[in-house]
PDB file of N, CA and C in Angstrom:
ATOM      1  N   MET A   1     161.422 142.825 285.531  1.00  0.00           N
ATOM      2  CA  MET A   1     160.073 142.359 285.768  1.00  0.00           C
ATOM      3  C   MET A   1     159.594 142.934 287.101  1.00  0.00           C
ATOM      4  N   VAL A   2     158.429 143.551 287.087  1.00  0.00           N
ATOM      5  CA  VAL A   2     157.791 144.111 288.341  1.00  0.00           C
ATOM      6  C   VAL A   2     156.599 143.227 288.657  1.00  0.00           C
ATOM      7  N   VAL A   3     156.691 142.589 289.761  1.00  0.00           N
ATOM      8  CA  VAL A   3     155.570 141.693 290.178  1.00  0.00           C
ATOM      9  C   VAL A   3     155.077 142.187 291.544  1.00  0.00           C
ATOM     10  N   HIS A   4     153.764 142.413 291.576  1.00  0.00           N
ATOM     11  CA  HIS A   4     153.139 142.807 292.821  1.00  0.00           C
ATOM     12  C   HIS A   4     153.820 144.018 293.508  1.00  0.00           C
ATOM     13  N   GLU A   5     154.121 144.953 292.711  1.00  0.00           N
ATOM     14  CA  GLU A   5     154.679 146.254 293.222  1.00  0.00           C
ATOM     15  C   GLU A   5     156.162 146.099 293.734  1.00  0.00           C
ATOM     16  N   LEU A   6     156.775 145.010 293.374  1.00  0.00           N
ATOM     17  CA  LEU A   6     158.210 144.840 293.772  1.00  0.00           C
ATOM     18  C   LEU A   6     159.056 145.049 292.522  1.00  0.00           C
ATOM     19  N   THR A   7     160.121 145.836 292.663  1.00  0.00           N
ATOM     20  CA  THR A   7     161.047 145.989 291.535  1.00  0.00           C
ATOM     21  C   THR A   7     162.069 144.839 291.586  1.00  0.00           C
ATOM     22  N   GLU A   8     162.782 144.714 290.507  1.00  0.00           N
ATOM     23  CA  GLU A   8     163.841 143.716 290.458  1.00  0.00           C
ATOM     24  C   GLU A   8     164.823 143.879 291.631  1.00  0.00           C
ATOM     25  N   THR A   9     165.154 145.102 291.888  1.00  0.00           N
ATOM     26  CA  THR A   9     166.142 145.400 292.981  1.00  0.00           C
ATOM     27  C   THR A   9     165.573 144.961 294.310  1.00  0.00           C
ATOM     28  N   GLU A  10     164.305 145.262 294.566  1.00  0.00           N
ATOM     29  CA  GLU A  10     163.698 144.856 295.832  1.00  0.00           C
ATOM     30  C   GLU A  10     163.622 143.302 295.955  1.00  0.00           C
ATOM     31  N   ILE A  11     163.250 142.652 294.816  1.00  0.00           N
ATOM     32  CA  ILE A  11     163.209 141.216 294.822  1.00  0.00           C
ATOM     33  C   ILE A  11     164.552 140.639 295.156  1.00  0.00           C
ATOM     34  N   ASP A  12     165.616 141.177 294.507  1.00  0.00           N
ATOM     35  CA  ASP A  12     167.019 140.741 294.749  1.00  0.00           C
ATOM     36  C   ASP A  12     167.388 140.906 296.239  1.00  0.00           C
ATOM     37  N   ARG A  13     167.049 142.105 296.795  1.00  0.00           N
ATOM     38  CA  ARG A  13     167.407 142.347 298.224  1.00  0.00           C
ATOM     39  C   ARG A  13     166.700 141.343 299.111  1.00  0.00           C
ATOM     40  N   ILE A  14     165.417 141.106 298.884  1.00  0.00           N
ATOM     41  CA  ILE A  14     164.651 140.218 299.699  1.00  0.00           C
ATOM     42  C   ILE A  14     165.201 138.840 299.737  1.00  0.00           C
ATOM     43  N   PHE A  15     165.426 138.290 298.548  1.00  0.00           N
ATOM     44  CA  PHE A  15     165.880 136.904 298.461  1.00  0.00           C
ATOM     45  C   PHE A  15     167.380 136.755 298.870  1.00  0.00           C
ATOM     46  N   GLN A  16     168.157 137.779 298.576  1.00  0.00           N
ATOM     47  CA  GLN A  16     169.546 137.746 299.109  1.00  0.00           C
ATOM     48  C   GLN A  16     169.548 137.817 300.627  1.00  0.00           C
ATOM     49  N   ALA A  17     168.667 138.561 301.204  1.00  0.00           N
ATOM     50  CA  ALA A  17     168.529 138.625 302.679  1.00  0.00           C
ATOM     51  C   ALA A  17     168.116 137.298 303.215  1.00  0.00           C
ATOM     52  N   LEU A  18     167.172 136.661 302.603  1.00  0.00           N
ATOM     53  CA  LEU A  18     166.639 135.406 303.086  1.00  0.00           C
ATOM     54  C   LEU A  18     167.495 134.198 302.732  1.00  0.00           C
ATOM     55  N   ALA A  19     168.536 134.409 301.994  1.00  0.00           N
ATOM     56  CA  ALA A  19     169.445 133.286 301.605  1.00  0.00           C
ATOM     57  C   ALA A  19     170.252 132.870 302.792  1.00  0.00           C
ATOM     58  N   ASP A  20     170.342 133.667 303.873  1.00  0.00           N
ATOM     59  CA  ASP A  20     171.139 133.320 305.039  1.00  0.00           C
ATOM     60  C   ASP A  20     170.274 132.724 306.152  1.00  0.00           C
ATOM     61  N   ALA A  21     170.634 131.654 306.711  1.00  0.00           N
ATOM     62  CA  ALA A  21     169.880 130.948 307.726  1.00  0.00           C
ATOM     63  C   ALA A  21     169.633 131.814 308.965  1.00  0.00           C
ATOM     64  N   THR A  22     170.628 132.542 309.390  1.00  0.00           N
ATOM     65  CA  THR A  22     170.468 133.418 310.542  1.00  0.00           C
ATOM     66  C   THR A  22     169.465 134.467 310.329  1.00  0.00           C
ATOM     67  N   ARG A  23     169.474 135.086 309.135  1.00  0.00           N
ATOM     68  CA  ARG A  23     168.520 136.111 308.848  1.00  0.00           C
ATOM     69  C   ARG A  23     167.166 135.579 308.742  1.00  0.00           C
ATOM     70  N   ARG A  24     166.914 134.350 308.177  1.00  0.00           N
ATOM     71  CA  ARG A  24     165.620 133.756 308.158  1.00  0.00           C
ATOM     72  C   ARG A  24     165.137 133.494 309.550  1.00  0.00           C
ATOM     73  N   ASP A  25     166.016 133.024 310.382  1.00  0.00           N
ATOM     74  CA  ASP A  25     165.678 132.858 311.802  1.00  0.00           C
ATOM     75  C   ASP A  25     165.262 134.035 312.499  1.00  0.00           C
ATOM     76  N   ILE A  26     165.992 135.166 312.290  1.00  0.00           N
ATOM     77  CA  ILE A  26     165.599 136.424 312.880  1.00  0.00           C
ATOM     78  C   ILE A  26     164.216 136.781 312.446  1.00  0.00           C
ATOM     79  N   VAL A  27     163.937 136.724 311.151  1.00  0.00           N
ATOM     80  CA  VAL A  27     162.582 137.110 310.701  1.00  0.00           C
ATOM     81  C   VAL A  27     161.526 136.245 311.384  1.00  0.00           C
ATOM     82  N   SER A  28     161.762 134.969 311.532  1.00  0.00           N
ATOM     83  CA  SER A  28     160.790 134.111 312.160  1.00  0.00           C
ATOM     84  C   SER A  28     160.597 134.469 313.678  1.00  0.00           C
ATOM     85  N   ARG A  29     161.686 134.789 314.294  1.00  0.00           N
ATOM     86  CA  ARG A  29     161.598 135.214 315.706  1.00  0.00           C
ATOM     87  C   ARG A  29     160.810 136.500 315.969  1.00  0.00           C
ATOM     88  N   VAL A  30     160.845 137.423 314.986  1.00  0.00           N
ATOM     89  CA  VAL A  30     160.187 138.647 315.136  1.00  0.00           C
ATOM     90  C   VAL A  30     158.756 138.709 314.521  1.00  0.00           C
ATOM     91  N   LEU A  31     158.360 137.645 313.902  1.00  0.00           N
ATOM     92  CA  LEU A  31     157.049 137.591 313.301  1.00  0.00           C
ATOM     93  C   LEU A  31     155.886 137.837 314.270  1.00  0.00           C
ATOM     94  N   ASP A  32     155.919 137.126 315.418  1.00  0.00           N
ATOM     95  CA  ASP A  32     154.812 137.296 316.373  1.00  0.00           C
ATOM     96  C   ASP A  32     154.904 138.532 317.247  1.00  0.00           C
ATOM     97  N   ALA A  33     156.140 138.953 317.557  1.00  0.00           N
ATOM     98  CA  ALA A  33     156.337 140.148 318.429  1.00  0.00           C
ATOM     99  C   ALA A  33     157.700 140.685 318.173  1.00  0.00           C
ATOM    100  N   GLY A  34     157.838 141.986 318.419  1.00  0.00           N
ATOM    101  CA  GLY A  34     159.138 142.563 318.247  1.00  0.00           C
ATOM    102  C   GLY A  34     160.081 142.046 319.329  1.00  0.00           C
ATOM    103  N   ARG A  35     161.383 142.031 319.001  1.00  0.00           N
ATOM    104  CA  ARG A  35     162.451 141.608 319.906  1.00  0.00           C
ATOM    105  C   ARG A  35     163.557 142.686 319.861  1.00  0.00           C
ATOM    106  N   SER A  36     164.180 142.855 320.915  1.00  0.00           N
ATOM    107  CA  SER A  36     165.313 143.766 320.949  1.00  0.00           C
ATOM    108  C   SER A  36     166.484 143.153 320.259  1.00  0.00           C
ATOM    109  N   VAL A  37     167.384 143.993 319.695  1.00  0.00           N
ATOM    110  CA  VAL A  37     168.575 143.431 319.105  1.00  0.00           C
ATOM    111  C   VAL A  37     169.376 142.641 320.138  1.00  0.00           C
ATOM    112  N   THR A  38     169.419 143.146 321.365  1.00  0.00           N
ATOM    113  CA  THR A  38     170.150 142.474 322.416  1.00  0.00           C
ATOM    114  C   THR A  38     169.587 141.048 322.692  1.00  0.00           C
ATOM    115  N   ALA A  39     168.198 140.956 322.708  1.00  0.00           N
ATOM    116  CA  ALA A  39     167.595 139.671 322.950  1.00  0.00           C
ATOM    117  C   ALA A  39     167.848 138.739 321.731  1.00  0.00           C
ATOM    118  N   LEU A  40     167.886 139.266 320.573  1.00  0.00           N
ATOM    119  CA  LEU A  40     168.182 138.468 319.397  1.00  0.00           C
ATOM    120  C   LEU A  40     169.615 137.930 319.429  1.00  0.00           C
ATOM    121  N   ALA A  41     170.521 138.817 319.825  1.00  0.00           N
ATOM    122  CA  ALA A  41     171.951 138.505 319.870  1.00  0.00           C
ATOM    123  C   ALA A  41     172.226 137.345 320.834  1.00  0.00           C
ATOM    124  N   GLU A  42     171.426 137.247 321.878  1.00  0.00           N
ATOM    125  CA  GLU A  42     171.602 136.179 322.876  1.00  0.00           C
ATOM    126  C   GLU A  42     171.303 134.849 322.327  1.00  0.00           C
ATOM    127  N   GLN A  43     170.598 134.784 321.201  1.00  0.00           N
ATOM    128  CA  GLN A  43     170.186 133.512 320.595  1.00  0.00           C
ATOM    129  C   GLN A  43     171.184 132.925 319.681  1.00  0.00           C
ATOM    130  N   TYR A  44     172.285 133.681 319.344  1.00  0.00           N
ATOM    131  CA  TYR A  44     173.225 133.199 318.356  1.00  0.00           C
ATOM    132  C   TYR A  44     174.638 133.160 318.926  1.00  0.00           C
ATOM    133  N   ASP A  45     175.402 132.230 318.372  1.00  0.00           N
ATOM    134  CA  ASP A  45     176.826 132.178 318.754  1.00  0.00           C
ATOM    135  C   ASP A  45     177.639 133.121 317.898  1.00  0.00           C
ATOM    136  N   MET A  46     177.367 134.360 317.981  1.00  0.00           N
ATOM    137  CA  MET A  46     178.084 135.384 317.274  1.00  0.00           C
ATOM    138  C   MET A  46     178.023 136.689 318.063  1.00  0.00           C
ATOM    139  N   SER A  47     178.747 137.672 317.615  1.00  0.00           N
ATOM    140  CA  SER A  47     178.835 138.897 318.356  1.00  0.00           C
ATOM    141  C   SER A  47     177.543 139.743 318.204  1.00  0.00           C
ATOM    142  N   PHE A  48     177.289 140.671 319.068  1.00  0.00           N
ATOM    143  CA  PHE A  48     176.244 141.608 319.015  1.00  0.00           C
ATOM    144  C   PHE A  48     176.302 142.370 317.644  1.00  0.00           C
ATOM    145  N   ALA A  49     177.510 142.780 317.362  1.00  0.00           N
ATOM    146  CA  ALA A  49     177.725 143.587 316.074  1.00  0.00           C
ATOM    147  C   ALA A  49     177.328 142.707 314.845  1.00  0.00           C
ATOM    148  N   ALA A  50     177.717 141.423 314.904  1.00  0.00           N
ATOM    149  CA  ALA A  50     177.312 140.552 313.728  1.00  0.00           C
ATOM    150  C   ALA A  50     175.803 140.432 313.615  1.00  0.00           C
ATOM    151  N   VAL A  51     175.048 140.263 314.688  1.00  0.00           N
ATOM    152  CA  VAL A  51     173.635 140.210 314.650  1.00  0.00           C
ATOM    153  C   VAL A  51     173.045 141.588 314.190  1.00  0.00           C
ATOM    154  N   GLN A  52     173.622 142.744 314.624  1.00  0.00           N
ATOM    155  CA  GLN A  52     173.239 143.956 314.184  1.00  0.00           C
ATOM    156  C   GLN A  52     173.331 144.148 312.644  1.00  0.00           C
ATOM    157  N   LYS A  53     174.415 143.557 312.108  1.00  0.00           N
ATOM    158  CA  LYS A  53     174.611 143.599 310.661  1.00  0.00           C
ATOM    159  C   LYS A  53     173.597 142.784 309.946  1.00  0.00           C
ATOM    160  N   HIS A  54     173.231 141.622 310.483  1.00  0.00           N
ATOM    161  CA  HIS A  54     172.192 140.830 309.872  1.00  0.00           C
ATOM    162  C   HIS A  54     170.864 141.602 309.901  1.00  0.00           C
ATOM    163  N   VAL A  55     170.563 142.238 311.009  1.00  0.00           N
ATOM    164  CA  VAL A  55     169.323 143.071 311.058  1.00  0.00           C
ATOM    165  C   VAL A  55     169.334 144.144 310.086  1.00  0.00           C
ATOM    166  N   GLN A  56     170.505 144.782 309.857  1.00  0.00           N
ATOM    167  CA  GLN A  56     170.567 145.867 308.875  1.00  0.00           C
ATOM    168  C   GLN A  56     170.301 145.376 307.453  1.00  0.00           C
ATOM    169  N   VAL A  57     170.779 144.179 307.130  1.00  0.00           N
ATOM    170  CA  VAL A  57     170.508 143.581 305.842  1.00  0.00           C
ATOM    171  C   VAL A  57     169.010 143.353 305.680  1.00  0.00           C
ATOM    172  N   LEU A  58     168.387 142.821 306.656  1.00  0.00           N
ATOM    173  CA  LEU A  58     166.959 142.620 306.678  1.00  0.00           C
ATOM    174  C   LEU A  58     166.186 143.948 306.604  1.00  0.00           C
ATOM    175  N   GLU A  59     166.741 144.891 307.256  1.00  0.00           N
ATOM    176  CA  GLU A  59     166.045 146.234 307.180  1.00  0.00           C
ATOM    177  C   GLU A  59     166.139 146.850 305.814  1.00  0.00           C
ATOM    178  N   ARG A  60     167.302 146.754 305.161  1.00  0.00           N
ATOM    179  CA  ARG A  60     167.463 147.237 303.769  1.00  0.00           C
ATOM    180  C   ARG A  60     166.552 146.563 302.811  1.00  0.00           C
ATOM    181  N   ALA A  61     166.287 145.261 303.130  1.00  0.00           N
ATOM    182  CA  ALA A  61     165.423 144.469 302.247  1.00  0.00           C
ATOM    183  C   ALA A  61     163.927 144.713 302.574  1.00  0.00           C
ATOM    184  N   LEU A  62     163.648 145.600 303.590  1.00  0.00           N
ATOM    185  CA  LEU A  62     162.334 145.926 304.075  1.00  0.00           C
ATOM    186  C   LEU A  62     161.580 144.754 304.654  1.00  0.00           C
ATOM    187  N   LEU A  63     162.323 143.803 305.190  1.00  0.00           N
ATOM    188  CA  LEU A  63     161.742 142.657 305.836  1.00  0.00           C
ATOM    189  C   LEU A  63     161.487 142.913 307.311  1.00  0.00           C
ATOM    190  N   VAL A  64     162.246 143.805 307.893  1.00  0.00           N
ATOM    191  CA  VAL A  64     162.048 144.266 309.259  1.00  0.00           C
ATOM    192  C   VAL A  64     162.260 145.742 309.422  1.00  0.00           C
ATOM    193  N   THR A  65     161.748 146.283 310.517  1.00  0.00           N
ATOM    194  CA  THR A  65     161.959 147.653 310.909  1.00  0.00           C
ATOM    195  C   THR A  65     162.582 147.684 312.291  1.00  0.00           C
ATOM    196  N   LYS A  66     163.223 148.759 312.575  1.00  0.00           N
ATOM    197  CA  LYS A  66     163.766 148.952 313.987  1.00  0.00           C
ATOM    198  C   LYS A  66     163.063 150.183 314.612  1.00  0.00           C
ATOM    199  N   GLU A  67     162.718 150.004 315.805  1.00  0.00           N
ATOM    200  CA  GLU A  67     162.085 151.059 316.633  1.00  0.00           C
ATOM    201  C   GLU A  67     162.897 151.310 317.885  1.00  0.00           C
ATOM    202  N   ARG A  68     163.327 152.499 318.130  1.00  0.00           N
ATOM    203  CA  ARG A  68     164.032 152.782 319.353  1.00  0.00           C
ATOM    204  C   ARG A  68     163.078 153.010 320.532  1.00  0.00           C
ATOM    205  N   ARG A  69     163.360 152.284 321.580  1.00  0.00           N
ATOM    206  CA  ARG A  69     162.601 152.414 322.815  1.00  0.00           C
ATOM    207  C   ARG A  69     163.632 152.569 323.951  1.00  0.00           C
ATOM    208  N   GLY A  70     163.854 153.820 324.363  1.00  0.00           N
ATOM    209  CA  GLY A  70     164.929 154.020 325.351  1.00  0.00           C
ATOM    210  C   GLY A  70     166.278 153.676 324.798  1.00  0.00           C
ATOM    211  N   ARG A  71     166.858 152.800 325.501  1.00  0.00           N
ATOM    212  CA  ARG A  71     168.231 152.338 325.027  1.00  0.00           C
ATOM    213  C   ARG A  71     168.152 151.123 324.123  1.00  0.00           C
ATOM    214  N   GLU A  72     167.013 150.495 323.988  1.00  0.00           N
ATOM    215  CA  GLU A  72     166.856 149.337 323.165  1.00  0.00           C
ATOM    216  C   GLU A  72     166.379 149.621 321.777  1.00  0.00           C
ATOM    217  N   GLN A  73     166.717 148.865 320.834  1.00  0.00           N
ATOM    218  CA  GLN A  73     166.204 148.871 319.474  1.00  0.00           C
ATOM    219  C   GLN A  73     165.376 147.596 319.285  1.00  0.00           C
ATOM    220  N   LEU A  74     164.097 147.795 319.103  1.00  0.00           N
ATOM    221  CA  LEU A  74     163.188 146.752 318.861  1.00  0.00           C
ATOM    222  C   LEU A  74     163.091 146.406 317.356  1.00  0.00           C
ATOM    223  N   VAL A  75     163.158 145.168 317.005  1.00  0.00           N
ATOM    224  CA  VAL A  75     163.030 144.737 315.577  1.00  0.00           C
ATOM    225  C   VAL A  75     161.657 144.137 315.417  1.00  0.00           C
ATOM    226  N   HIS A  76     160.965 144.587 314.398  1.00  0.00           N
ATOM    227  CA  HIS A  76     159.667 144.134 314.121  1.00  0.00           C
ATOM    228  C   HIS A  76     159.645 143.645 312.639  1.00  0.00           C
ATOM    229  N   SER A  77     158.827 142.626 312.329  1.00  0.00           N
ATOM    230  CA  SER A  77     158.734 142.121 310.970  1.00  0.00           C
ATOM    231  C   SER A  77     157.862 143.061 310.153  1.00  0.00           C
ATOM    232  N   ARG A  78     158.148 143.086 308.865  1.00  0.00           N
ATOM    233  CA  ARG A  78     157.281 143.861 307.893  1.00  0.00           C
ATOM    234  C   ARG A  78     156.460 142.769 307.130  1.00  0.00           C
ATOM    235  N   ILE A  79     155.256 142.576 307.699  1.00  0.00           N
ATOM    236  CA  ILE A  79     154.389 141.524 307.110  1.00  0.00           C
ATOM    237  C   ILE A  79     153.997 141.868 305.656  1.00  0.00           C
ATOM    238  N   ASP A  80     153.966 143.203 305.293  1.00  0.00           N
ATOM    239  CA  ASP A  80     153.576 143.550 303.958  1.00  0.00           C
ATOM    240  C   ASP A  80     154.586 143.081 302.958  1.00  0.00           C
ATOM    241  N   THR A  81     155.912 143.238 303.278  1.00  0.00           N
ATOM    242  CA  THR A  81     156.979 142.758 302.427  1.00  0.00           C
ATOM    243  C   THR A  81     157.024 141.264 302.360  1.00  0.00           C
ATOM    244  N   ILE A  82     156.879 140.637 303.504  1.00  0.00           N
ATOM    245  CA  ILE A  82     156.863 139.176 303.507  1.00  0.00           C
ATOM    246  C   ILE A  82     155.726 138.598 302.642  1.00  0.00           C
ATOM    247  N   GLY A  83     154.577 139.257 302.750  1.00  0.00           N
ATOM    248  CA  GLY A  83     153.396 138.864 301.954  1.00  0.00           C
ATOM    249  C   GLY A  83     153.625 139.028 300.487  1.00  0.00           C
ATOM    250  N   ARG A  84     154.286 140.142 300.056  1.00  0.00           N
ATOM    251  CA  ARG A  84     154.505 140.320 298.607  1.00  0.00           C
ATOM    252  C   ARG A  84     155.517 139.323 298.155  1.00  0.00           C
ATOM    253  N   ALA A  85     156.534 138.955 298.952  1.00  0.00           N
ATOM    254  CA  ALA A  85     157.476 137.925 298.532  1.00  0.00           C
ATOM    255  C   ALA A  85     156.789 136.601 298.411  1.00  0.00           C
ATOM    256  N   ALA A  86     155.861 136.260 299.328  1.00  0.00           N
ATOM    257  CA  ALA A  86     155.134 134.993 299.263  1.00  0.00           C
ATOM    258  C   ALA A  86     154.268 135.007 297.965  1.00  0.00           C
ATOM    259  N   THR A  87     153.635 136.132 297.648  1.00  0.00           N
ATOM    260  CA  THR A  87     152.760 136.204 296.437  1.00  0.00           C
ATOM    261  C   THR A  87     153.694 136.021 295.203  1.00  0.00           C
ATOM    262  N   LEU A  88     154.877 136.581 295.190  1.00  0.00           N
ATOM    263  CA  LEU A  88     155.768 136.418 294.075  1.00  0.00           C
ATOM    264  C   LEU A  88     156.112 134.854 293.936  1.00  0.00           C
ATOM    265  N   LEU A  89     156.438 134.224 294.992  1.00  0.00           N
ATOM    266  CA  LEU A  89     156.784 132.810 294.949  1.00  0.00           C
ATOM    267  C   LEU A  89     155.559 132.005 294.486  1.00  0.00           C
ATOM    268  N   GLN A  90     154.340 132.367 294.885  1.00  0.00           N
ATOM    269  CA  GLN A  90     153.122 131.684 294.433  1.00  0.00           C
ATOM    270  C   GLN A  90     152.964 131.876 292.934  1.00  0.00           C
ATOM    271  N   ALA A  91     153.288 133.059 292.401  1.00  0.00           N
ATOM    272  CA  ALA A  91     153.245 133.356 290.960  1.00  0.00           C
ATOM    273  C   ALA A  91     154.189 132.390 290.229  1.00  0.00           C
ATOM    274  N   TYR A  92     155.452 132.273 290.768  1.00  0.00           N
ATOM    275  CA  TYR A  92     156.409 131.357 290.116  1.00  0.00           C
ATOM    276  C   TYR A  92     155.933 129.923 290.218  1.00  0.00           C
ATOM    277  N   GLU A  93     155.287 129.517 291.324  1.00  0.00           N
ATOM    278  CA  GLU A  93     154.804 128.200 291.463  1.00  0.00           C
ATOM    279  C   GLU A  93     153.721 127.950 290.426  1.00  0.00           C
ATOM    280  N   GLU A  94     152.897 128.898 290.177  1.00  0.00           N
ATOM    281  CA  GLU A  94     151.818 128.772 289.137  1.00  0.00           C
ATOM    282  C   GLU A  94     152.427 128.561 287.766  1.00  0.00           C
ATOM    283  N   ILE A  95     153.406 129.322 287.464  1.00  0.00           N
ATOM    284  CA  ILE A  95     154.098 129.183 286.138  1.00  0.00           C
ATOM    285  C   ILE A  95     154.621 127.805 285.956  1.00  0.00           C
ATOM    286  N   TRP A  96     155.328 127.249 286.993  1.00  0.00           N
ATOM    287  CA  TRP A  96     155.839 125.891 286.910  1.00  0.00           C
ATOM    288  C   TRP A  96     154.754 124.836 286.885  1.00  0.00           C
ATOM    289  N   ALA A  97     153.696 125.028 287.597  1.00  0.00           N
ATOM    290  CA  ALA A  97     152.586 124.065 287.593  1.00  0.00           C
ATOM    291  C   ALA A  97     151.976 124.041 286.144  1.00  0.00           C
ATOM    292  N   GLN A  98     151.789 125.229 285.525  1.00  0.00           N
ATOM    293  CA  GLN A  98     151.238 125.242 284.158  1.00  0.00           C
ATOM    294  C   GLN A  98     152.198 124.543 283.159  1.00  0.00           C
ATOM    295  N   ARG A  99     153.496 124.767 283.354  1.00  0.00           N
ATOM    296  CA  ARG A  99     154.472 124.075 282.492  1.00  0.00           C
ATOM    297  C   ARG A  99     154.389 122.578 282.692  1.00  0.00           C
ATOM    298  N   ALA A 100     154.247 122.112 283.925  1.00  0.00           N
ATOM    299  CA  ALA A 100     154.161 120.693 284.184  1.00  0.00           C
ATOM    300  C   ALA A 100     152.861 120.094 283.529  1.00  0.00           C
ATOM    301  N   LEU A 101     151.755 120.844 283.556  1.00  0.00           N
ATOM    302  CA  LEU A 101     150.535 120.414 282.865  1.00  0.00           C
ATOM    303  C   LEU A 101     150.752 120.269 281.373  1.00  0.00           C
ATOM    304  N   ARG A 102     151.453 121.247 280.759  1.00  0.00           N
ATOM    305  CA  ARG A 102     151.723 121.163 279.399  1.00  0.00           C
ATOM    306  C   ARG A 102     152.544 119.983 279.004  1.00  0.00           C
ATOM    307  N   ILE A 103     153.571 119.687 279.834  1.00  0.00           N
ATOM    308  CA  ILE A 103     154.371 118.450 279.604  1.00  0.00           C
ATOM    309  C   ILE A 103     153.532 117.223 279.639  1.00  0.00           C
ATOM    310  N   ASP A 104     152.628 117.170 280.654  1.00  0.00           N
ATOM    311  CA  ASP A 104     151.701 116.016 280.806  1.00  0.00           C
ATOM    312  C   ASP A 104     150.926 115.894 279.548  1.00  0.00           C
ATOM    313  N   ASP A 105     150.386 117.010 279.015  1.00  0.00           N
ATOM    314  CA  ASP A 105     149.598 116.952 277.802  1.00  0.00           C
ATOM    315  C   ASP A 105     150.404 116.448 276.574  1.00  0.00           C
ATOM    316  N   ILE A 106     151.626 116.906 276.489  1.00  0.00           N
ATOM    317  CA  ILE A 106     152.529 116.462 275.408  1.00  0.00           C
ATOM    318  C   ILE A 106     152.766 114.965 275.500  1.00  0.00           C
ATOM    319  N   LEU A 107     153.030 114.514 276.702  1.00  0.00           N
ATOM    320  CA  LEU A 107     153.323 113.090 276.857  1.00  0.00           C
ATOM    321  C   LEU A 107     152.132 112.234 276.653  1.00  0.00           C
ATOM    322  N   ALA A 108     150.924 112.770 276.895  1.00  0.00           N
ATOM    323  CA  ALA A 108     149.724 112.020 276.693  1.00  0.00           C
ATOM    324  C   ALA A 108     149.271 111.914 275.281  1.00  0.00           C
ATOM    325  N   GLU A 109     149.807 112.779 274.383  1.00  0.00           N
ATOM    326  CA  GLU A 109     149.473 112.750 272.939  1.00  0.00           C
ATOM    327  C   GLU A 109     149.898 111.404 272.310  1.00  0.00           C
ATOM    328  N   ASP A 110     149.079 110.942 271.410  1.00  0.00           N
ATOM    329  CA  ASP A 110     149.457 109.769 270.636  1.00  0.00           C
ATOM    330  C   ASP A 110     150.550 110.086 269.616  1.00  0.00           C
ATOM    331  N   PRO A 111     151.533 109.249 269.568  1.00  0.00           N
ATOM    332  CA  PRO A 111     152.629 109.537 268.558  1.00  0.00           C
ATOM    333  C   PRO A 111     152.164 109.286 267.118  1.00  0.00           C
TER     334      PRO A 111
END
């Protein structure tokens, strides 16, 4: 199924990336402004390398990008991908809302 220009593989990568609490937190931290990987690593009780791996997963899912500035790597959110994922979830929500309405109609019918 291709929804809003996302392939099944892209959808899988996005939601697998967002299944982890640390990765969701990283995305939320970089939504308003880019943060260096070093600054992000200071926020977690894990190694710099572990945070770097989380960022790589997010980057493969196109949820963030990295930009090199001197010695630092700045992580920025990809609002376009986040928006497409949100649109996909809204489409699923609409499907379930329509199903719930149909169930209400069935239950309201006289036997």
